[in-house]
Every structure is written in C-alpha cells, then in structure tokens.
Amino acid sequence: MKTQFSFLIFLFCTYFMQGQKVFAVDRDYKADIKVFVADHDYKADLLVFKVDRDYKAQGNEGLWFFTDRDYKADKKVYFVDADYKADLIIYVVDSDYKAKWRDASLQHWMW
C-alpha cells in the first residue's frame, strides 16, 4: 500500500512539474514537434513568452526556456517556414501574463 501511494505521488508530481524547456534542432527528423511562428497573435494556437531562467518555465502555459543542449530540453522543436507544415503555430508575446493557449485541443503537443 505504501509503495502504491508513493508511486501515485511520483506520477502526480511528474505530471505537473513538466516544464517547457525547449531546444531548437536543425533538422525536422530530430524534432518532437514542428513549430511555425505566426506574424499575428490571432493566427496562433499558443502565445509564447521566452523566459530567462529554466525554473520559470513551469507547466504548460506557454512560458518557454530555450536550453543550450538537447538533453536538457523537455521538447525538441524544429521551426518550419510555412504554417501548413507545422504541428503547432505560435506567436511570441512581450509579457509573461499574455502567454496562453488559444487552442486548448493542441496542448498534448507540449506534454
């Protein structure tokens, strides 16, 4: 019983502690997800704010920290040149409080 409880606590913590530390790869086959950067926020699925520290990128809210090594990242992204090639369309915002999902049905891409 004690081990089952510990396992449930572990699963709960890992589910909610998943951050959005990303690494930009140079080839699409190396990526977990293909991303297109839109020129307007209304065209985006996710509004992203780039944070300056990794501990600020908690949850699945659009706060991204770009790592310097792929093994430090939760997700590897490849930036495509057209929206139809992308799994996710983002728009980079200028404040952290503006970061949010505009299309919540696509949240699974960042978990």
Protein backbone atom coordinates (compact mmCIF):
# COMPACT_ATOMS: atom_id res chain seq x y z
CA MET A 1 0.00 0.00 0.00
CA LYS A 2 2.81 2.37 0.89
CA THR A 3 4.61 1.75 -2.41
CA GLN A 4 1.40 2.33 -4.38
CA PHE A 5 0.87 5.64 -2.60
CA SER A 6 4.49 6.67 -3.28
CA PHE A 7 4.10 5.76 -6.93
CA LEU A 8 0.91 7.85 -7.22
CA ILE A 9 2.63 10.84 -5.62
CA PHE A 10 5.54 10.43 -8.07
CA LEU A 11 3.17 10.33 -11.07
CA PHE A 12 1.26 13.35 -9.83
CA CYS A 13 4.44 15.39 -9.34
CA THR A 14 5.97 14.47 -12.68
CA TYR A 15 2.75 15.29 -14.49
CA PHE A 16 2.52 18.79 -13.06
CA MET A 17 6.24 19.52 -12.89
CA GLN A 18 6.68 19.08 -16.63
CA GLY A 19 8.07 22.37 -17.84
CA GLN A 20 8.51 23.79 -21.26
CA LYS A 21 12.23 23.71 -21.72
CA VAL A 22 12.80 23.56 -25.44
CA PHE A 23 15.74 23.09 -27.74
CA ALA A 24 15.69 24.18 -31.38
CA VAL A 25 17.05 21.45 -33.64
CA ASP A 26 18.44 21.92 -37.13
CA ARG A 27 16.57 19.05 -38.88
CA ASP A 28 12.89 18.14 -38.78
CA TYR A 29 13.51 14.43 -38.15
CA LYS A 30 15.29 15.29 -34.88
CA ALA A 31 12.28 17.20 -33.54
CA ASP A 32 9.44 16.16 -31.28
CA ILE A 33 7.28 18.88 -32.77
CA LYS A 34 7.33 21.21 -35.79
CA VAL A 35 6.57 24.84 -34.97
CA PHE A 36 5.68 27.84 -37.12
CA VAL A 37 5.98 31.40 -35.78
CA ALA A 38 2.96 33.46 -36.87
CA ASP A 39 3.08 37.17 -37.60
CA HIS A 40 -0.11 37.93 -35.60
CA ASP A 41 -1.44 36.55 -32.33
CA TYR A 42 -4.89 35.69 -33.70
CA LYS A 43 -3.29 33.20 -36.12
CA ALA A 44 -1.54 31.27 -33.32
CA ASP A 45 -2.52 28.19 -31.35
CA LEU A 46 -0.21 29.17 -28.49
CA LEU A 47 1.06 32.53 -27.30
CA VAL A 48 4.63 32.03 -26.09
CA PHE A 49 6.82 34.12 -23.82
CA LYS A 50 10.55 33.35 -23.68
CA VAL A 51 11.70 33.29 -20.06
CA ASP A 52 15.28 33.90 -18.98
CA ARG A 53 15.56 31.11 -16.37
CA ASP A 54 14.61 27.46 -16.62
CA TYR A 55 12.70 27.39 -13.31
CA LYS A 56 10.27 29.98 -14.70
CA ALA A 57 9.15 27.56 -17.43
CA GLN A 58 6.73 25.51 -15.33
CA GLY A 59 3.54 23.91 -16.51
CA ASN A 60 2.03 24.01 -19.96
CA GLU A 61 1.18 27.69 -20.15
CA GLY A 62 3.38 28.97 -22.96
CA LEU A 63 6.39 30.01 -20.88
CA TRP A 64 9.36 28.62 -22.81
CA PHE A 65 13.01 28.43 -21.85
CA PHE A 66 15.44 27.66 -24.66
CA THR A 67 18.20 25.33 -23.50
CA ASP A 68 21.71 25.22 -24.89
CA ARG A 69 21.78 21.38 -25.15
CA ASP A 70 19.17 18.96 -26.42
CA TYR A 71 19.41 16.60 -23.45
CA LYS A 72 18.36 19.41 -21.09
CA ALA A 73 15.13 20.04 -23.01
CA ASP A 74 11.68 18.60 -22.43
CA LYS A 75 10.82 19.10 -26.11
CA LYS A 76 12.91 19.44 -29.25
CA VAL A 77 11.35 21.81 -31.76
CA TYR A 78 12.00 22.47 -35.40
CA PHE A 79 10.92 25.80 -36.85
CA VAL A 80 9.27 25.39 -40.25
CA ASP A 81 8.81 28.06 -42.91
CA ALA A 82 5.08 27.58 -43.54
CA ASP A 83 2.08 27.12 -41.27
CA TYR A 84 0.75 24.05 -43.12
CA LYS A 85 3.98 22.17 -42.29
CA ALA A 86 3.62 22.82 -38.55
CA ASP A 87 2.14 20.78 -35.76
CA LEU A 88 1.80 23.93 -33.67
CA ILE A 89 1.57 27.61 -34.59
CA ILE A 90 2.96 30.03 -32.02
CA TYR A 91 3.21 33.77 -31.60
CA VAL A 92 5.86 35.28 -29.33
CA VAL A 93 4.41 37.83 -26.90
CA ASP A 94 6.21 40.56 -24.98
CA SER A 95 4.95 39.78 -21.44
CA ASP A 96 4.62 36.60 -19.43
CA TYR A 97 1.00 37.23 -18.43
CA LYS A 98 -0.01 37.19 -22.12
CA ALA A 99 1.27 33.63 -22.62
CA LYS A 100 -1.63 31.20 -23.01
CA TRP A 101 -3.23 28.57 -25.18
CA ARG A 102 -5.65 29.88 -27.77
CA ASP A 103 -6.47 26.35 -28.96
CA ALA A 104 -6.52 24.08 -25.91
CA SER A 105 -7.08 20.97 -28.03
CA LEU A 106 -3.40 21.11 -29.04
CA GLN A 107 -1.98 21.12 -25.52
CA HIS A 108 -0.97 17.48 -25.87
CA TRP A 109 1.92 18.51 -28.14
CA MET A 110 3.75 20.13 -25.25
CA TRP A 111 3.23 17.47 -22.56
